[in-house]
Amino acid sequence: MYPREVDVCVIDGDAAQRALLRRRLRTRGYDVVEAADAEAGLRLIRDRRPGVVICNVELRGGSGVELCAHVRATAPLDGTYLILVSAVEDRDVLHAALNAGADDFLCKPFDMEEFDARLRNGHRIARLQQRLRAAAITDGLTGLSNHAQFRKVLAREFQRALRYGSTVSLLMLDLDHFKVVNDTYGHEIGNDVLQAVARTIEGLVRSSDVVSRYGGEEFAVICPETELGRATELAERIRQAIADRVRVPREPALKATVTIGVASSALAGVSTESDLINLADHALYVGKRRGRNQVMRCDAQPRPGLEDLRHSEIDEIQKQVFSLSLQAKEMCLQSVWVLIQALEARDPYTAWHSRNTTYYAGMLAEAAGWDLPLQTALVNAAMLHSLGKVGVPDSILQSTAPLTAKQAATLRQVPMLTCKILEPLRAFEAEILIIRHLRERYDGTGYPFGLAGETIPIGSRLLSVAETFDALTSDRPYRAHVSIDEAVSRIEAEARRQFDPQFTQLIAQIVRDRRPAWEARVERSLAEMHQLRPVGSAGTAITN
């Protein structure tokens, strides 16, 4: 059985001419097949899909012009680059060849250097057309089949299964909590996760299975000649492999899980490929609702009556639920914010810390050009990050002397205490991740996991800069605040040690560009904190 594609097909009734071209083409690295007549030539073009065809006009069993017209009329072959060759220099023959769809025309005897140049051009155009055809059916990020190709292949395999009484099964996969990954780490890391998942799935399926990116963070696997039980076993292998193996080098702490719905064409009531998609998609939805990171067969839960689904009403309810969840999150955030302000009132020196950090972080995220969801997660994390102070004794919070190593270690745990408090609130998953890694250092010597560089969530890296700026420009019982310029200078000095250099540069730039606003913020918070201090406290000795 022939392989599917070659570089060049030579069609010529002259055996000596074919041998001459064959030798020349092979010495230049081309894969060559050849035929002596039009019928054999057409068969080779269909079977071997050559990029370039060199065809003599005069052939047994039909002319090269007729062959050219036939190729152009056959959609799968239309991209073939056709060079017609004739021993007769006749303008009528030339016009007939070009009108039939020939790309180039040569007269015998031809100059071989010119022949090589024209062949190179044809081969280059053929490769470009192949890439364009591949791009039309391929997802650019993962290299898998795209949604349009998925629908085309599924329709073909479904009809083939009906025709021959076989079974085609479908796996619908959706990454769990993928929005949190994008919101927390950024879309570049999200893309790395999608690529890693795609490679993992491809490594587990058969050559006859077709893996596609269905859309967003959803994938699909078409399994021809596969009954439901075998498809479910494959789905479980994929689920386990993604949980165990998918890692992103830039974010080693990040893990991925997937929920998979499985359906089969052999089930009663499945009469179209759309029915098959709906069943697998419904099973996926049930798996999500039952806790995610699992495989759900479509016959393991109540099947939807496809004729009874009222999609418009479902979509409307989903929108309402989403809106209510956002409102609930906002109400929860405001309630926690009131609690934070009450807690910070215990320590007049940090009463404005969360407010200032939120302000600075928001300005930095906006200047960095982050998308709105990531900006929102960062600002929320800035608001919430000091909640863990509830677990820190007043003797530490209100200490008028520099902290001991033990006291500093206690204070360093505030972000982790905050995460522990917020963990029951699933709505704050993105914010919790940012806060958890707030004390990591860019050089890898930080807390709690010793992450380094870009393995630290991007929100944590930016928030640490904003928080430090506020701490330096605010009074403490044991030291006075420093100027804005001194604060920026100290932060820049810690680039690549404590801080991400891109954000040390960013805060320096934004302070220069928006200095009046930052000065007003610093002055206002200093004045407010001065009013909150009790008369005669150690803080009264500090001058601005």
Protein backbone atom coordinates (compact mmCIF):
# COMPACT_ATOMS: atom_id res chain seq x y z
CA MET A 1 0.00 0.00 0.00
CA TYR A 2 1.38 3.39 -1.02
CA PRO A 3 2.02 6.22 1.41
CA ARG A 4 -0.37 9.11 0.97
CA GLU A 5 1.88 11.88 -0.31
CA VAL A 6 4.92 12.39 -2.56
CA ASP A 7 6.68 15.45 -3.96
CA VAL A 8 6.40 14.95 -7.73
CA CYS A 9 4.45 12.81 -10.17
CA VAL A 10 5.80 12.51 -13.74
CA ILE A 11 3.27 11.46 -16.43
CA ASP A 12 4.84 10.84 -19.84
CA GLY A 13 4.52 8.08 -22.46
CA ASP A 14 8.24 8.35 -23.32
CA ALA A 15 10.09 5.95 -21.00
CA ALA A 16 13.47 7.60 -21.69
CA GLN A 17 12.05 11.04 -20.81
CA ARG A 18 10.56 9.68 -17.57
CA ALA A 19 13.86 8.06 -16.62
CA LEU A 20 15.76 11.33 -17.29
CA LEU A 21 13.38 13.36 -15.14
CA ARG A 22 13.28 10.70 -12.44
CA ARG A 23 17.07 10.68 -12.05
CA ARG A 24 17.30 14.46 -12.01
CA LEU A 25 14.49 14.88 -9.50
CA ARG A 26 15.80 12.22 -7.12
CA THR A 27 19.30 13.69 -7.12
CA ARG A 28 17.68 16.91 -5.93
CA GLY A 29 15.96 15.15 -3.04
CA TYR A 30 12.40 14.84 -4.39
CA ASP A 31 10.20 11.76 -3.88
CA VAL A 32 9.01 10.75 -7.36
CA VAL A 33 6.32 8.50 -8.80
CA GLU A 34 5.64 8.06 -12.51
CA ALA A 35 3.00 6.91 -14.98
CA ALA A 36 2.92 6.29 -18.73
CA ASP A 37 -0.68 7.26 -19.53
CA ALA A 38 -3.54 9.51 -18.37
CA GLU A 39 -5.52 6.80 -16.54
CA ALA A 40 -2.55 5.59 -14.48
CA GLY A 41 -1.51 9.20 -13.88
CA LEU A 42 -4.92 10.16 -12.48
CA ARG A 43 -4.85 7.11 -10.23
CA LEU A 44 -1.43 8.09 -8.87
CA ILE A 45 -2.56 11.68 -8.25
CA ARG A 46 -5.58 10.46 -6.29
CA ASP A 47 -3.59 7.88 -4.30
CA ARG A 48 -0.31 9.70 -3.68
CA ARG A 49 -1.43 13.37 -3.63
CA PRO A 50 1.78 14.78 -5.19
CA GLY A 51 2.56 18.45 -4.59
CA VAL A 52 3.67 18.91 -8.22
CA VAL A 53 2.62 17.06 -11.39
CA ILE A 54 4.76 17.22 -14.54
CA CYS A 55 2.53 15.97 -17.34
CA ASN A 56 3.08 15.67 -21.08
CA VAL A 57 0.29 17.14 -23.24
CA GLU A 58 0.36 14.16 -25.61
CA LEU A 59 -0.67 10.98 -23.74
CA ARG A 60 -2.24 7.61 -24.40
CA GLY A 61 -5.81 7.35 -23.19
CA GLY A 62 -6.40 11.11 -23.10
CA SER A 63 -4.49 14.38 -23.26
CA GLY A 64 -2.62 16.21 -20.53
CA VAL A 65 -5.08 19.11 -20.97
CA GLU A 66 -8.02 16.78 -20.19
CA LEU A 67 -6.15 15.38 -17.17
CA CYS A 68 -5.51 18.93 -15.97
CA ALA A 69 -9.21 19.82 -16.26
CA HIS A 70 -10.18 16.64 -14.38
CA VAL A 71 -7.79 17.43 -11.50
CA ARG A 72 -9.11 20.98 -11.22
CA ALA A 73 -12.70 19.69 -11.11
CA THR A 74 -11.88 17.34 -8.17
CA ALA A 75 -11.96 19.37 -4.95
CA PRO A 76 -9.46 17.28 -2.92
CA LEU A 77 -6.93 17.51 -5.78
CA ASP A 78 -7.50 21.11 -6.78
CA GLY A 79 -4.42 22.40 -4.93
CA THR A 80 -2.01 20.25 -7.00
CA TYR A 81 0.57 22.33 -8.90
CA LEU A 82 0.37 21.30 -12.59
CA ILE A 83 3.20 21.79 -15.11
CA LEU A 84 2.24 20.73 -18.64
CA VAL A 85 4.99 19.86 -21.12
CA SER A 86 4.69 19.71 -24.94
CA ALA A 87 7.03 18.95 -27.81
CA VAL A 88 4.98 21.32 -29.98
CA GLU A 89 5.32 25.08 -29.52
CA ASP A 90 1.74 25.97 -30.33
CA ARG A 91 -0.07 28.96 -28.82
CA ASP A 92 -3.43 27.20 -29.10
CA VAL A 93 -2.07 24.29 -27.02
CA LEU A 94 -0.61 26.78 -24.50
CA HIS A 95 -3.95 28.61 -24.20
CA ALA A 96 -5.87 25.33 -23.87
CA ALA A 97 -3.51 24.17 -21.08
CA LEU A 98 -3.76 27.42 -19.12
CA ASN A 99 -7.54 27.58 -19.54
CA ALA A 100 -7.79 24.02 -18.21
CA GLY A 101 -6.03 25.13 -15.04
CA ALA A 102 -2.34 24.46 -15.66
CA ASP A 103 0.00 26.50 -13.45
CA ASP A 104 2.98 26.44 -15.83
CA PHE A 105 3.88 25.34 -19.36
CA LEU A 106 7.20 24.17 -20.83
CA CYS A 107 8.22 23.26 -24.39
CA LYS A 108 10.61 20.40 -25.17
CA PRO A 109 13.49 20.38 -25.29
CA PHE A 110 13.68 22.64 -22.24
CA ASP A 111 16.63 24.08 -20.43
CA MET A 112 17.19 21.96 -17.32
CA GLU A 113 18.25 24.90 -15.16
CA GLU A 114 15.03 26.67 -16.09
CA PHE A 115 13.15 23.43 -15.37
CA ASP A 116 14.74 23.23 -11.90
CA ALA A 117 13.79 26.83 -11.12
CA ARG A 118 10.18 26.35 -12.22
CA LEU A 119 9.95 23.11 -10.27
CA ARG A 120 11.26 24.84 -7.12
CA ASN A 121 8.60 27.52 -7.52
CA GLY A 122 5.91 24.92 -7.97
CA HIS A 123 7.10 22.93 -4.98
CA ARG A 124 7.20 26.06 -2.82
CA ILE A 125 3.64 26.98 -3.81
CA ALA A 126 2.48 23.41 -3.21
CA ARG A 127 3.96 23.43 0.30
CA LEU A 128 2.29 26.78 1.01
CA GLN A 129 -1.06 25.41 -0.14
CA GLN A 130 -0.58 22.36 2.08
CA ARG A 131 0.09 24.61 5.05
CA LEU A 132 -2.98 26.69 4.24
CA ARG A 133 -5.15 23.58 3.96
CA ALA A 134 -3.76 22.32 7.27
CA ALA A 135 -4.36 25.70 8.91
CA ALA A 136 -7.98 25.63 7.79
CA ILE A 137 -8.64 22.43 9.75
CA THR A 138 -6.16 22.85 12.62
CA ASP A 139 -6.37 24.73 15.91
CA GLY A 140 -3.46 27.14 15.88
CA LEU A 141 -2.66 26.86 19.60
CA THR A 142 -2.77 23.10 20.22
CA GLY A 143 -2.19 21.68 16.73
CA LEU A 144 -5.32 19.54 17.08
CA SER A 145 -8.24 19.45 14.68
CA ASN A 146 -10.37 22.56 15.05
CA HIS A 147 -14.11 22.68 15.70
CA ALA A 148 -15.07 22.74 12.02
CA GLN A 149 -12.92 19.69 11.26
CA PHE A 150 -14.31 17.93 14.34
CA ARG A 151 -17.87 18.35 13.04
CA LYS A 152 -16.84 17.15 9.58
CA VAL A 153 -15.05 14.03 10.87
CA LEU A 154 -17.82 13.19 13.36
CA ALA A 155 -20.46 13.42 10.61
CA ARG A 156 -18.38 11.12 8.39
CA GLU A 157 -17.71 8.56 11.14
CA PHE A 158 -21.32 8.65 12.32
CA GLN A 159 -22.63 7.92 8.83
CA ARG A 160 -20.04 5.18 8.37
CA ALA A 161 -21.13 3.60 11.67
CA LEU A 162 -24.76 3.65 10.52
CA ARG A 163 -23.86 2.21 7.12
CA TYR A 164 -21.82 -0.72 8.44
CA GLY A 165 -23.60 -1.34 11.74
CA SER A 166 -20.59 -0.36 13.84
CA THR A 167 -20.28 2.04 16.79
CA VAL A 168 -18.61 5.41 17.17
CA SER A 169 -18.14 6.85 20.65
CA LEU A 170 -17.47 10.44 21.68
CA LEU A 171 -15.58 11.92 24.62
CA MET A 172 -16.26 15.53 25.59
CA LEU A 173 -13.62 16.96 27.96
CA ASP A 174 -13.61 20.23 29.88
CA LEU A 175 -10.76 21.54 32.06
CA ASP A 176 -11.87 22.20 35.63
CA HIS A 177 -11.68 25.77 37.00
CA PHE A 178 -9.75 26.94 33.94
CA LYS A 179 -10.97 30.52 34.34
CA VAL A 180 -9.15 30.64 37.66
CA VAL A 181 -5.93 29.63 35.89
CA ASN A 182 -6.28 32.45 33.36
CA ASP A 183 -7.30 35.00 35.97
CA THR A 184 -4.49 34.08 38.35
CA TYR A 185 -1.54 33.19 36.16
CA GLY A 186 -2.44 35.00 32.94
CA HIS A 187 -3.47 33.73 29.53
CA GLU A 188 0.05 32.73 28.46
CA ILE A 189 0.22 30.16 31.26
CA GLY A 190 -3.35 29.15 30.39
CA ASN A 191 -2.19 28.49 26.82
CA ASP A 192 0.69 26.37 28.14
CA VAL A 193 -1.83 24.27 30.07
CA LEU A 194 -4.01 23.79 26.98
CA GLN A 195 -0.99 22.68 24.94
CA ALA A 196 0.14 20.25 27.64
CA VAL A 197 -3.35 18.76 27.88
CA ALA A 198 -3.51 18.36 24.10
CA ARG A 199 -0.18 16.51 24.03
CA THR A 200 -1.27 14.25 26.89
CA ILE A 201 -4.52 13.27 25.16
CA GLU A 202 -2.75 12.62 21.84
CA GLY A 203 -0.30 10.32 23.59
CA LEU A 204 -3.07 8.06 24.88
CA VAL A 205 -5.40 7.59 21.91
CA ARG A 206 -5.19 5.23 18.93
CA SER A 207 -4.11 6.38 15.50
CA SER A 208 -7.72 5.95 14.31
CA ASP A 209 -9.07 8.26 17.05
CA VAL A 210 -9.41 11.97 16.29
CA VAL A 211 -8.60 14.52 19.00
CA SER A 212 -10.01 18.03 18.53
CA ARG A 213 -10.13 21.30 20.37
CA TYR A 214 -13.87 21.81 20.64
CA GLY A 215 -13.55 25.39 21.84
CA GLY A 216 -11.98 27.33 24.72
CA GLU A 217 -10.91 24.80 27.36
CA GLU A 218 -13.06 21.99 25.85
CA PHE A 219 -11.66 19.06 23.89
CA ALA A 220 -13.32 16.17 22.06
CA VAL A 221 -12.14 12.68 21.10
CA ILE A 222 -13.90 10.75 18.32
CA CYS A 223 -13.42 6.99 18.75
CA PRO A 224 -14.48 4.98 15.66
CA GLU A 225 -15.29 1.28 16.10
CA THR A 226 -15.46 1.73 19.88
CA GLU A 227 -18.28 0.73 22.18
CA LEU A 228 -19.23 2.74 25.25
CA GLY A 229 -17.35 0.64 27.81
CA ARG A 230 -14.03 0.83 25.98
CA ALA A 231 -14.50 4.57 25.42
CA THR A 232 -15.12 5.04 29.15
CA GLU A 233 -11.89 3.17 29.95
CA LEU A 234 -9.99 5.49 27.61
CA ALA A 235 -11.64 8.50 29.23
CA GLU A 236 -10.51 7.37 32.68
CA ARG A 237 -6.92 6.89 31.44
CA ILE A 238 -7.00 10.41 30.02
CA ARG A 239 -8.47 11.88 33.21
CA GLN A 240 -5.83 10.22 35.40
CA ALA A 241 -2.96 11.14 33.07
CA ILE A 242 -3.93 14.81 32.98
CA ALA A 243 -4.11 14.95 36.79
CA ASP A 244 -0.75 13.15 37.16
CA ARG A 245 1.31 14.49 34.26
CA VAL A 246 0.17 17.89 33.05
CA ARG A 247 2.63 20.42 34.40
CA VAL A 248 3.77 23.81 33.15
CA PRO A 249 7.54 24.43 33.55
CA ARG A 250 6.96 28.09 34.38
CA GLU A 251 4.39 27.22 37.06
CA PRO A 252 5.38 23.84 38.58
CA ALA A 253 2.86 24.16 41.41
CA LEU A 254 -0.01 24.42 38.94
CA LYS A 255 -2.00 21.23 38.36
CA ALA A 256 -4.87 20.51 35.98
CA THR A 257 -7.88 18.24 36.20
CA VAL A 258 -10.56 17.45 33.67
CA THR A 259 -14.16 16.25 33.64
CA ILE A 260 -15.19 13.95 30.79
CA GLY A 261 -18.59 13.00 29.39
CA VAL A 262 -18.83 9.81 27.27
CA ALA A 263 -21.55 8.82 24.79
CA SER A 264 -22.01 6.21 22.05
CA SER A 265 -23.93 6.03 18.78
CA ALA A 266 -25.23 2.57 19.74
CA LEU A 267 -27.60 4.00 22.36
CA ALA A 268 -31.31 4.12 21.60
CA GLY A 269 -32.52 7.51 20.42
CA VAL A 270 -29.20 8.57 18.90
CA SER A 271 -30.06 9.17 15.25
CA THR A 272 -27.72 12.06 14.36
CA GLU A 273 -24.25 13.22 15.29
CA SER A 274 -25.89 16.17 17.07
CA ASP A 275 -27.70 13.71 19.36
CA LEU A 276 -24.33 12.14 20.15
CA ILE A 277 -22.77 15.51 20.99
CA ASN A 278 -25.74 16.47 23.18
CA LEU A 279 -25.55 13.22 25.16
CA ALA A 280 -21.80 13.52 25.76
CA ASP A 281 -22.15 17.19 26.63
CA HIS A 282 -24.97 16.48 29.09
CA ALA A 283 -22.89 13.76 30.76
CA LEU A 284 -20.04 16.26 31.04
CA TYR A 285 -22.37 18.77 32.68
CA VAL A 286 -23.53 16.18 35.21
CA GLY A 287 -19.91 15.32 36.00
CA LYS A 288 -19.17 19.00 36.61
CA ARG A 289 -22.20 19.32 38.88
CA ARG A 290 -21.13 16.27 40.88
CA GLY A 291 -17.73 17.64 41.78
CA ARG A 292 -15.52 17.65 38.65
CA ASN A 293 -12.36 15.59 37.97
CA GLN A 294 -14.35 12.52 36.95
CA VAL A 295 -15.64 10.51 34.00
CA MET A 296 -19.41 10.34 33.48
CA ARG A 297 -21.11 7.90 31.10
CA CYS A 298 -24.25 9.19 29.44
CA ASP A 299 -26.18 6.09 30.57
CA ALA A 300 -25.07 6.49 34.21
CA GLN A 301 -27.45 9.38 34.85
CA PRO A 302 -30.91 10.40 33.62
CA ARG A 303 -30.75 11.12 29.95
CA PRO A 304 -32.29 14.36 28.73
CA GLY A 305 -35.31 14.14 26.51
CA LEU A 306 -33.75 15.92 23.57
CA GLU A 307 -37.10 17.02 22.29
CA ASP A 308 -37.98 18.53 25.67
CA LEU A 309 -34.89 20.69 26.17
CA ARG A 310 -35.81 24.37 26.19
CA HIS A 311 -32.42 25.84 25.41
CA SER A 312 -33.47 29.48 25.46
CA GLU A 313 -34.89 29.13 28.96
CA ILE A 314 -31.83 27.20 30.14
CA ASP A 315 -29.52 29.89 28.76
CA GLU A 316 -31.56 32.60 30.46
CA ILE A 317 -31.49 30.79 33.80
CA GLN A 318 -27.73 30.27 33.46
CA LYS A 319 -27.30 34.00 32.93
CA GLN A 320 -29.42 34.76 35.97
CA VAL A 321 -27.48 32.28 38.12
CA PHE A 322 -24.19 33.76 36.94
CA SER A 323 -25.43 37.25 37.76
CA LEU A 324 -26.59 36.14 41.20
CA SER A 325 -23.26 34.45 41.89
CA LEU A 326 -21.43 37.68 41.03
CA GLN A 327 -23.75 39.62 43.31
CA ALA A 328 -23.24 37.09 46.09
CA LYS A 329 -19.47 37.33 45.71
CA GLU A 330 -19.63 41.12 45.84
CA MET A 331 -21.80 41.05 48.97
CA CYS A 332 -19.43 38.58 50.59
CA LEU A 333 -16.45 40.72 49.64
CA GLN A 334 -17.99 43.81 51.16
CA SER A 335 -18.82 41.94 54.39
CA VAL A 336 -15.25 40.67 54.70
CA TRP A 337 -13.96 44.16 53.93
CA VAL A 338 -15.88 45.58 56.89
CA LEU A 339 -14.32 42.89 59.08
CA ILE A 340 -10.82 43.71 57.82
CA GLN A 341 -11.26 47.39 58.58
CA ALA A 342 -12.42 46.52 62.10
CA LEU A 343 -9.39 44.29 62.61
CA GLU A 344 -6.94 46.87 61.32
CA ALA A 345 -8.39 49.42 63.73
CA ARG A 346 -6.60 47.42 66.45
CA ASP A 347 -3.35 48.72 64.98
CA PRO A 348 -3.51 52.41 63.98
CA TYR A 349 -0.23 52.08 62.11
CA THR A 350 -1.66 49.63 59.58
CA ALA A 351 -5.24 50.88 59.57
CA TRP A 352 -4.89 52.08 55.99
CA HIS A 353 -2.65 49.30 54.76
CA SER A 354 -5.25 47.22 52.92
CA ARG A 355 -6.90 50.30 51.41
CA ASN A 356 -3.59 51.70 50.17
CA THR A 357 -2.37 48.36 48.85
CA THR A 358 -5.64 47.92 46.97
CA TYR A 359 -5.27 51.37 45.44
CA TYR A 360 -1.65 50.86 44.35
CA ALA A 361 -2.25 47.33 43.06
CA GLY A 362 -5.20 48.47 40.97
CA MET A 363 -3.16 51.28 39.39
CA LEU A 364 -0.27 48.93 38.63
CA ALA A 365 -2.52 46.25 37.09
CA GLU A 366 -4.25 48.83 34.91
CA ALA A 367 -0.91 50.25 33.77
CA ALA A 368 0.30 46.71 33.00
CA GLY A 369 -2.65 46.30 30.61
CA TRP A 370 -4.11 43.26 32.33
CA ASP A 371 -7.56 42.11 31.31
CA LEU A 372 -10.47 42.96 33.59
CA PRO A 373 -10.91 39.54 35.28
CA LEU A 374 -7.24 39.43 36.32
CA GLN A 375 -7.38 43.05 37.51
CA THR A 376 -10.48 42.26 39.56
CA ALA A 377 -8.89 39.18 41.16
CA LEU A 378 -5.79 41.19 42.05
CA VAL A 379 -7.72 44.08 43.59
CA ASN A 380 -9.85 41.66 45.60
CA ALA A 381 -6.71 39.86 46.81
CA ALA A 382 -5.22 43.20 47.87
CA MET A 383 -8.38 43.96 49.85
CA LEU A 384 -8.41 40.57 51.56
CA HIS A 385 -4.74 39.77 52.14
CA SER A 386 -4.54 41.17 55.72
CA LEU A 387 -7.54 39.24 57.06
CA GLY A 388 -5.16 36.75 58.68
CA LYS A 389 -4.07 39.42 61.18
CA VAL A 390 -6.90 38.12 63.35
CA GLY A 391 -4.51 35.30 64.29
CA VAL A 392 -1.59 37.61 65.22
CA PRO A 393 -1.27 38.79 68.85
CA ASP A 394 -1.61 42.52 69.58
CA SER A 395 1.83 42.40 71.17
CA ILE A 396 3.28 41.85 67.70
CA LEU A 397 0.98 44.14 65.74
CA GLN A 398 1.49 47.04 68.17
CA SER A 399 5.16 46.42 69.01
CA THR A 400 7.20 49.65 69.28
CA ALA A 401 10.49 47.82 68.76
CA PRO A 402 11.85 46.03 65.69
CA LEU A 403 10.38 42.52 65.52
CA THR A 404 12.38 39.53 66.67
CA ALA A 405 12.96 36.67 64.25
CA LYS A 406 10.19 34.68 65.91
CA GLN A 407 7.74 37.59 65.75
CA ALA A 408 8.63 38.25 62.11
CA ALA A 409 7.98 34.57 61.30
CA THR A 410 4.56 34.85 62.93
CA LEU A 411 3.71 37.97 60.96
CA ARG A 412 4.92 36.33 57.76
CA GLN A 413 2.17 33.74 58.12
CA VAL A 414 -0.62 36.32 57.75
CA PRO A 415 -1.26 35.47 54.05
CA MET A 416 -1.51 31.74 54.85
CA LEU A 417 -3.89 32.48 57.72
CA THR A 418 -5.96 34.58 55.33
CA CYS A 419 -6.14 31.66 52.88
CA LYS A 420 -7.23 29.30 55.63
CA ILE A 421 -10.06 31.68 56.59
CA LEU A 422 -11.19 32.16 52.98
CA GLU A 423 -10.95 28.53 51.83
CA PRO A 424 -14.66 27.74 52.47
CA LEU A 425 -15.59 30.58 50.08
CA ARG A 426 -15.16 28.89 46.68
CA ALA A 427 -15.90 32.18 44.93
CA PHE A 428 -12.47 33.48 45.97
CA GLU A 429 -10.32 30.70 44.44
CA ALA A 430 -8.31 33.09 42.26
CA GLU A 431 -7.78 35.55 45.11
CA ILE A 432 -6.70 32.77 47.51
CA LEU A 433 -4.03 31.61 45.07
CA ILE A 434 -2.60 35.14 44.75
CA ILE A 435 -2.54 35.63 48.54
CA ARG A 436 -1.04 32.20 49.26
CA HIS A 437 2.14 33.07 47.35
CA LEU A 438 2.44 36.70 48.45
CA ARG A 439 5.57 36.00 50.54
CA GLU A 440 7.43 34.13 47.80
CA ARG A 441 10.61 35.81 46.57
CA TYR A 442 11.73 36.08 42.96
CA ASP A 443 15.08 34.40 43.81
CA GLY A 444 13.32 31.35 45.30
CA THR A 445 14.14 31.99 48.98
CA GLY A 446 10.60 32.97 49.98
CA TYR A 447 7.68 31.39 51.82
CA PRO A 448 5.79 29.02 51.86
CA PHE A 449 6.98 26.92 48.90
CA GLY A 450 10.19 28.60 47.75
CA LEU A 451 8.84 29.28 44.26
CA ALA A 452 11.12 31.33 42.02
CA GLY A 453 10.77 33.69 39.06
CA GLU A 454 7.74 33.22 36.87
CA THR A 455 6.67 30.09 38.73
CA ILE A 456 5.21 32.52 41.28
CA PRO A 457 1.66 33.51 40.22
CA ILE A 458 1.79 36.81 38.36
CA GLY A 459 -0.79 38.37 40.68
CA SER A 460 1.34 37.52 43.72
CA ARG A 461 4.41 39.10 42.12
CA LEU A 462 2.65 42.38 41.44
CA LEU A 463 0.82 42.51 44.77
CA SER A 464 4.08 42.10 46.72
CA VAL A 465 5.44 45.26 45.03
CA ALA A 466 2.30 47.27 45.81
CA GLU A 467 2.24 46.07 49.43
CA THR A 468 5.91 46.87 49.99
CA PHE A 469 5.51 50.36 48.56
CA ASP A 470 2.75 51.11 51.06
CA ALA A 471 4.73 49.62 53.97
CA LEU A 472 7.77 51.78 53.14
CA THR A 473 5.78 55.01 52.73
CA SER A 474 3.82 54.48 55.97
CA ASP A 475 4.91 55.07 59.59
CA ARG A 476 5.53 52.16 61.93
CA PRO A 477 6.01 52.32 65.73
CA TYR A 478 9.70 51.50 65.34
CA ARG A 479 10.52 53.61 62.26
CA ALA A 480 9.36 56.56 60.23
CA HIS A 481 8.16 56.37 56.65
CA VAL A 482 10.50 57.02 53.74
CA SER A 483 9.88 59.27 50.76
CA ILE A 484 8.26 58.03 47.58
CA ASP A 485 11.58 58.23 45.73
CA GLU A 486 13.38 56.29 48.48
CA ALA A 487 10.64 53.64 48.49
CA VAL A 488 10.90 53.16 44.73
CA SER A 489 14.71 53.07 44.96
CA ARG A 490 14.61 50.32 47.62
CA ILE A 491 12.14 48.30 45.58
CA GLU A 492 14.29 48.62 42.44
CA ALA A 493 17.33 47.52 44.45
CA GLU A 494 15.52 44.25 45.21
CA ALA A 495 14.76 43.44 41.55
CA ARG A 496 15.49 39.77 40.81
CA ARG A 497 15.95 39.09 44.53
CA GLN A 498 12.64 39.85 46.19
CA PHE A 499 10.68 41.27 43.26
CA ASP A 500 9.92 40.58 39.62
CA PRO A 501 12.01 43.12 37.66
CA GLN A 502 9.17 43.90 35.26
CA PHE A 503 7.08 45.17 38.17
CA THR A 504 9.90 47.12 39.81
CA GLN A 505 10.28 48.93 36.48
CA LEU A 506 6.52 49.37 36.24
CA ILE A 507 6.11 51.03 39.64
CA ALA A 508 9.04 53.36 38.94
CA GLN A 509 7.45 54.37 35.65
CA ILE A 510 3.92 54.85 37.00
CA VAL A 511 5.17 56.90 39.97
CA ARG A 512 6.91 59.20 37.51
CA ASP A 513 3.85 59.42 35.26
CA ARG A 514 1.24 59.86 38.03
CA ARG A 515 3.25 61.35 40.84
CA PRO A 516 0.62 63.86 42.08
CA ALA A 517 -1.94 61.10 42.63
CA TRP A 518 0.53 58.88 44.48
CA GLU A 519 1.79 61.77 46.63
CA ALA A 520 -1.78 62.69 47.56
CA ARG A 521 -2.50 59.09 48.55
CA VAL A 522 0.59 58.83 50.74
CA GLU A 523 -0.04 62.19 52.43
CA ARG A 524 -3.70 61.41 53.10
CA SER A 525 -2.99 58.03 54.70
CA LEU A 526 -0.20 59.49 56.86
CA ALA A 527 -2.55 62.21 58.10
CA GLU A 528 -5.33 59.72 58.83
CA MET A 529 -3.00 57.36 60.71
CA HIS A 530 -1.60 60.26 62.77
CA GLN A 531 -5.12 61.12 63.94
CA LEU A 532 -5.77 57.50 64.95
CA ARG A 533 -2.71 57.23 67.22
CA PRO A 534 -3.33 57.63 70.93
CA VAL A 535 -1.72 60.69 72.49
CA GLY A 536 1.60 59.88 74.15
CA SER A 537 2.10 56.65 72.22
CA ALA A 538 5.49 55.74 70.85
CA GLY A 539 4.30 56.79 67.46
CA THR A 540 4.12 60.45 68.46
CA ALA A 541 7.89 60.57 68.45
CA ILE A 542 7.99 59.86 64.74
CA THR A 543 8.20 62.88 62.51
CA ASN A 544 7.08 63.03 58.91
